[in-house]
Each structure stands twice: as C-alpha cells, then as structure tokens.
Amino acid sequence: MSLLFVKQIPDPIDDEIGRCLRSFDAIGRWTAQKHALFTQFEMLAKKANYLRFTGDCRDYHLTRKGQRCLYDVPLKQRGALAKFAGRRIRLVCGGSLNPYSDRIYYASVVDKQRIDRKHILDYEIWGSVVTWPVKVYLSGEEDDWEIDFDFVDPEAKDSILHCADSAGDFIDIADERHMDLTEFVNALKATRLPELQKLAEDIEKAQVEQESDE
C-alpha cells in the first residue's frame, strides 16, 4: 500500500538519530565524514530496533540516502509498514538496492504509547501443596513498567505487583515469580505491538549479556 507524498511530515525530532542525520545533511559532498555519519546512523537504527526493509521508491517517495520524513500510518496499511498501523513513524531512505526503483528503508514509531494493563501470559506457580493459576498483566512504557501477577484462585493472594526500570529487571522478576521467561518473551512478541516487541528484544539482549558475564 503506497504512502501519500502529500502526507509526509518534516522530521524535527531532536534525538540521537535525528542529530546524526542532520550532521549528515550538512555535508554536501560524499566525503569520508559523510560516509561515516551514515554508517553511524545504520548502527543507531539497529540499536533502536528500526525495521529495515526494501521497497519501491514510487511507493515511499524517498529516493536519496538519508532522505526522511515522519508519517502517520493508516489503520488499514498493508505491506512492510502494516505493523505500524495507526502510529506515527520516522521513515528513512537507506539508498538504492539496484539501478531501478528499489530502495532500502528504515522505519520506527516515534510516538510513545503507554500500555494499559495488557494481559500477556497465563501460567501456574507451585504452592506448598498445589499449583496456583496466575495471569500476568503488563502496564507502562519504556523504562517504566509495572508487571502484575494476578492469582486467579480465590484462596491464593490477590496479586503481586513488580516495577521494572530496565529489561534486566524482568529477568530477576521472572526468577522470583517462577515464570518461564522464554514464554513471557514469546508472548510479548505475539502481541505485535512495537513497544512490547522492542521490550522482548531488550530482554533477550539482557539475557545474553548476563550469560556472558557469568
């Protein structure tokens, strides 16, 4: 589904990627510094979990490396950007893929969306004699999460609330609450919400880092 050129919004966002690309724009010729800045952008985009995909420049109306815009993705968007339906994204051209109209693009949401008590997972936790069914809910936004373990059985506790300021906190919380972290991460991915998919990726990275430190 093609994007409309008239719906493109200038990108004024003053984040690390925005500053990198403005420095890139300020250099007219393709000097070593300009090449280095674009390489830096690619590294930052990967770190920030930008979607990298290929598309026809006649559909996205960005043709030059570093050219970008913000765009409000339609609710009925199809194709590579369908996962961002209803959200505002930054879209960046990564250059030509071939001599024709194919281009590399990078995209990510730029409007923060707070998650309001979303049911993520069901599991059972062992008591002294029996198991208790638990429903796991997640609320909040990046670096400010609340994870609520809701005990279904009326004879058990009502619920236990944990706060998480980083992906690493989820590893400790899962261990304390006897929750399978892999199942939790897979459930986050299955929501198809960009914020929760990013959280899942961050938790996986934190696991790798923790294992390498041991």
Protein backbone atom coordinates (compact mmCIF):
# COMPACT_ATOMS: atom_id res chain seq x y z
CA MET A 1 0.00 0.00 0.00
CA SER A 2 1.61 3.23 -1.19
CA LEU A 3 2.16 6.19 1.11
CA LEU A 4 0.91 9.59 0.00
CA PHE A 5 3.59 12.18 -0.74
CA VAL A 6 1.30 14.98 0.47
CA LYS A 7 1.05 13.28 3.88
CA GLN A 8 4.80 13.42 4.56
CA ILE A 9 5.70 15.40 7.70
CA PRO A 10 9.12 17.07 8.20
CA ASP A 11 11.24 15.32 10.84
CA PRO A 12 12.15 17.80 13.62
CA ILE A 13 12.86 15.19 16.31
CA ASP A 14 16.00 16.02 18.28
CA ASP A 15 17.13 12.53 19.24
CA GLU A 16 20.45 10.79 18.58
CA ILE A 17 19.36 9.58 15.14
CA GLY A 18 17.92 12.97 14.21
CA ARG A 19 21.14 14.75 15.16
CA CYS A 20 23.23 12.22 13.26
CA LEU A 21 21.18 12.68 10.09
CA ARG A 22 21.23 16.47 10.33
CA SER A 23 25.02 16.34 10.52
CA PHE A 24 24.91 14.01 7.51
CA ASP A 25 22.71 16.51 5.60
CA ALA A 26 25.06 19.39 6.38
CA ILE A 27 27.88 17.84 4.31
CA GLY A 28 27.24 18.39 0.62
CA ARG A 29 29.78 16.06 -0.97
CA TRP A 30 30.31 12.38 -0.26
CA THR A 31 33.35 12.80 1.94
CA ALA A 32 34.73 10.17 4.31
CA GLN A 33 32.97 12.00 7.15
CA LYS A 34 29.60 11.82 5.36
CA HIS A 35 30.06 8.08 4.76
CA ALA A 36 30.99 7.64 8.44
CA LEU A 37 27.88 9.50 9.58
CA PHE A 38 25.61 7.27 7.54
CA THR A 39 27.33 4.19 8.93
CA GLN A 40 26.73 5.66 12.38
CA PHE A 41 23.03 6.12 11.52
CA GLU A 42 22.78 2.46 10.46
CA MET A 43 24.31 1.37 13.77
CA LEU A 44 21.97 3.61 15.76
CA ALA A 45 18.96 2.35 13.80
CA LYS A 46 19.92 -1.25 14.53
CA LYS A 47 20.40 -0.46 18.21
CA ALA A 48 16.98 1.22 18.32
CA ASN A 49 15.33 -1.79 16.63
CA TYR A 50 14.31 0.08 13.48
CA LEU A 51 12.59 -2.07 10.88
CA ARG A 52 14.87 -2.47 7.84
CA PHE A 53 13.02 -3.39 4.65
CA THR A 54 13.10 -2.95 0.90
CA GLY A 55 10.52 -1.10 -1.14
CA ASP A 56 9.79 0.78 -4.34
CA CYS A 57 10.64 4.47 -4.12
CA ARG A 58 7.48 5.20 -6.14
CA ASP A 59 5.51 3.91 -3.15
CA TYR A 60 7.50 5.65 -0.41
CA HIS A 61 8.58 8.89 -2.20
CA LEU A 62 12.03 8.92 -0.58
CA THR A 63 14.80 8.31 -3.08
CA ARG A 64 18.12 9.54 -1.67
CA LYS A 65 20.22 8.04 1.11
CA GLY A 66 19.39 9.88 4.33
CA GLN A 67 16.18 11.44 2.98
CA ARG A 68 13.46 11.06 5.60
CA CYS A 69 10.09 12.14 6.93
CA LEU A 70 7.53 11.41 9.59
CA TYR A 71 4.35 9.68 8.53
CA ASP A 72 1.04 8.79 10.17
CA VAL A 73 0.50 5.21 9.01
CA PRO A 74 -3.14 4.49 8.02
CA LEU A 75 -5.07 1.95 10.08
CA LYS A 76 -5.54 -0.22 7.00
CA GLN A 77 -1.89 -0.09 5.92
CA ARG A 78 -0.63 -3.26 4.27
CA GLY A 79 2.85 -4.50 3.48
CA ALA A 80 6.04 -3.83 5.42
CA LEU A 81 4.54 -0.97 7.45
CA ALA A 82 1.38 -2.84 8.49
CA LYS A 83 2.85 -3.43 11.97
CA PHE A 84 2.85 0.37 12.48
CA ALA A 85 -0.83 0.87 11.55
CA GLY A 86 -2.30 3.82 13.39
CA ARG A 87 1.08 5.10 14.60
CA ARG A 88 3.42 7.94 13.63
CA ILE A 89 6.74 6.69 12.28
CA ARG A 90 10.06 8.05 11.13
CA LEU A 91 10.89 6.70 7.67
CA VAL A 92 14.46 6.96 6.36
CA CYS A 93 15.81 6.03 2.94
CA GLY A 94 18.90 3.83 3.15
CA GLY A 95 19.86 4.17 -0.52
CA SER A 96 19.47 2.23 -3.75
CA LEU A 97 19.26 -1.53 -3.81
CA ASN A 98 19.71 -1.73 -7.60
CA PRO A 99 19.77 0.62 -10.64
CA TYR A 100 15.98 0.63 -10.73
CA SER A 101 13.40 1.90 -8.20
CA ASP A 102 14.14 -0.47 -5.32
CA ARG A 103 15.39 1.17 -2.14
CA ILE A 104 16.37 0.18 1.40
CA TYR A 105 14.25 1.83 4.11
CA TYR A 106 14.35 2.12 7.88
CA ALA A 107 11.25 2.75 9.98
CA SER A 108 10.32 3.06 13.64
CA VAL A 109 7.50 4.50 15.72
CA VAL A 110 8.21 7.91 17.21
CA ASP A 111 5.05 8.41 19.26
CA LYS A 112 5.31 6.77 22.66
CA GLN A 113 2.28 4.68 23.52
CA ARG A 114 1.56 3.71 27.10
CA ILE A 115 0.41 0.13 27.57
CA ASP A 116 -2.63 0.00 29.83
CA ARG A 117 -2.80 -3.29 31.81
CA LYS A 118 -2.48 -5.72 28.92
CA HIS A 119 -2.90 -9.43 29.58
CA ILE A 120 0.32 -11.11 28.44
CA LEU A 121 0.53 -14.64 29.80
CA ASP A 122 -1.10 -17.38 31.90
CA TYR A 123 0.95 -19.88 33.87
CA GLU A 124 0.87 -21.91 37.09
CA ILE A 125 3.02 -21.38 40.13
CA TRP A 126 3.71 -24.08 42.70
CA GLY A 127 2.48 -23.61 46.26
CA SER A 128 3.41 -25.86 49.14
CA VAL A 129 0.86 -28.50 48.08
CA VAL A 130 -0.96 -27.36 44.92
CA THR A 131 -0.36 -25.12 41.91
CA TRP A 132 -1.98 -21.72 41.56
CA PRO A 133 -3.07 -20.31 38.17
CA VAL A 134 -1.62 -16.86 37.55
CA LYS A 135 -2.49 -14.23 34.97
CA VAL A 136 0.31 -11.81 34.06
CA TYR A 137 -0.55 -8.22 33.11
CA LEU A 138 1.80 -5.50 31.91
CA SER A 139 1.36 -1.74 32.12
CA GLY A 140 3.54 1.28 31.39
CA GLU A 141 6.07 2.34 28.79
CA GLU A 142 9.78 2.07 28.04
CA ASP A 143 11.91 2.10 31.22
CA ASP A 144 8.80 2.42 33.40
CA TRP A 145 6.92 -0.87 33.54
CA GLU A 146 4.59 -2.50 36.04
CA ILE A 147 4.07 -6.27 35.90
CA ASP A 148 1.10 -7.60 37.84
CA PHE A 149 0.85 -11.26 38.81
CA ASP A 150 -2.86 -11.84 39.38
CA PHE A 151 -3.67 -15.04 41.30
CA VAL A 152 -6.89 -16.49 39.88
CA ASP A 153 -7.72 -18.87 42.74
CA PRO A 154 -9.67 -17.00 45.46
CA GLU A 155 -7.78 -18.95 48.13
CA ALA A 156 -4.46 -17.55 46.92
CA LYS A 157 -3.14 -13.99 47.25
CA ASP A 158 -4.96 -11.36 45.24
CA SER A 159 -1.94 -10.19 43.25
CA ILE A 160 1.72 -9.18 43.40
CA LEU A 161 2.96 -6.04 41.64
CA HIS A 162 6.55 -5.52 40.48
CA CYS A 163 8.15 -2.46 38.90
CA ALA A 164 10.78 -2.75 36.18
CA ASP A 165 13.02 0.11 35.05
CA SER A 166 15.11 -1.98 32.67
CA ALA A 167 14.98 -5.18 30.64
CA GLY A 168 17.31 -6.82 33.15
CA ASP A 169 14.73 -6.33 35.90
CA PHE A 170 12.38 -8.71 34.08
CA ILE A 171 14.96 -11.49 34.38
CA ASP A 172 15.04 -11.12 38.16
CA ILE A 173 11.26 -10.79 38.43
CA ALA A 174 10.66 -13.92 36.33
CA ASP A 175 13.06 -15.87 38.52
CA GLU A 176 11.41 -14.64 41.72
CA ARG A 177 7.90 -15.43 40.48
CA HIS A 178 8.88 -18.79 38.90
CA MET A 179 7.74 -17.62 35.47
CA ASP A 180 9.23 -19.07 32.28
CA LEU A 181 10.98 -16.03 30.78
CA THR A 182 11.08 -17.52 27.27
CA GLU A 183 7.29 -17.97 27.30
CA PHE A 184 6.90 -14.39 28.52
CA VAL A 185 9.17 -13.03 25.78
CA ASN A 186 7.34 -15.03 23.10
CA ALA A 187 4.01 -13.73 24.41
CA LEU A 188 5.32 -10.15 24.15
CA LYS A 189 6.31 -10.75 20.53
CA ALA A 190 2.91 -12.27 19.76
CA THR A 191 1.13 -9.04 20.71
CA ARG A 192 2.62 -7.42 17.57
CA LEU A 193 2.77 -4.11 19.47
CA PRO A 194 6.05 -2.32 18.64
CA GLU A 195 6.66 -1.30 22.27
CA LEU A 196 6.26 -4.87 23.53
CA GLN A 197 8.21 -6.38 20.66
CA LYS A 198 11.06 -4.00 21.49
CA LEU A 199 10.81 -4.97 25.17
CA ALA A 200 11.05 -8.64 24.16
CA GLU A 201 14.20 -7.95 22.15
CA ASP A 202 15.70 -5.93 25.01
CA ILE A 203 15.05 -8.78 27.47
CA GLU A 204 16.72 -11.26 25.12
CA LYS A 205 19.76 -8.97 24.80
CA ALA A 206 19.91 -8.59 28.59
CA GLN A 207 19.86 -12.38 28.94
CA VAL A 208 22.78 -12.75 26.52
CA GLU A 209 24.76 -10.05 28.36
CA GLN A 210 24.05 -11.66 31.73
CA GLU A 211 25.13 -15.09 30.48
CA SER A 212 28.35 -13.68 29.01
CA ASP A 213 29.21 -12.07 32.34
CA GLU A 214 28.83 -15.34 34.25
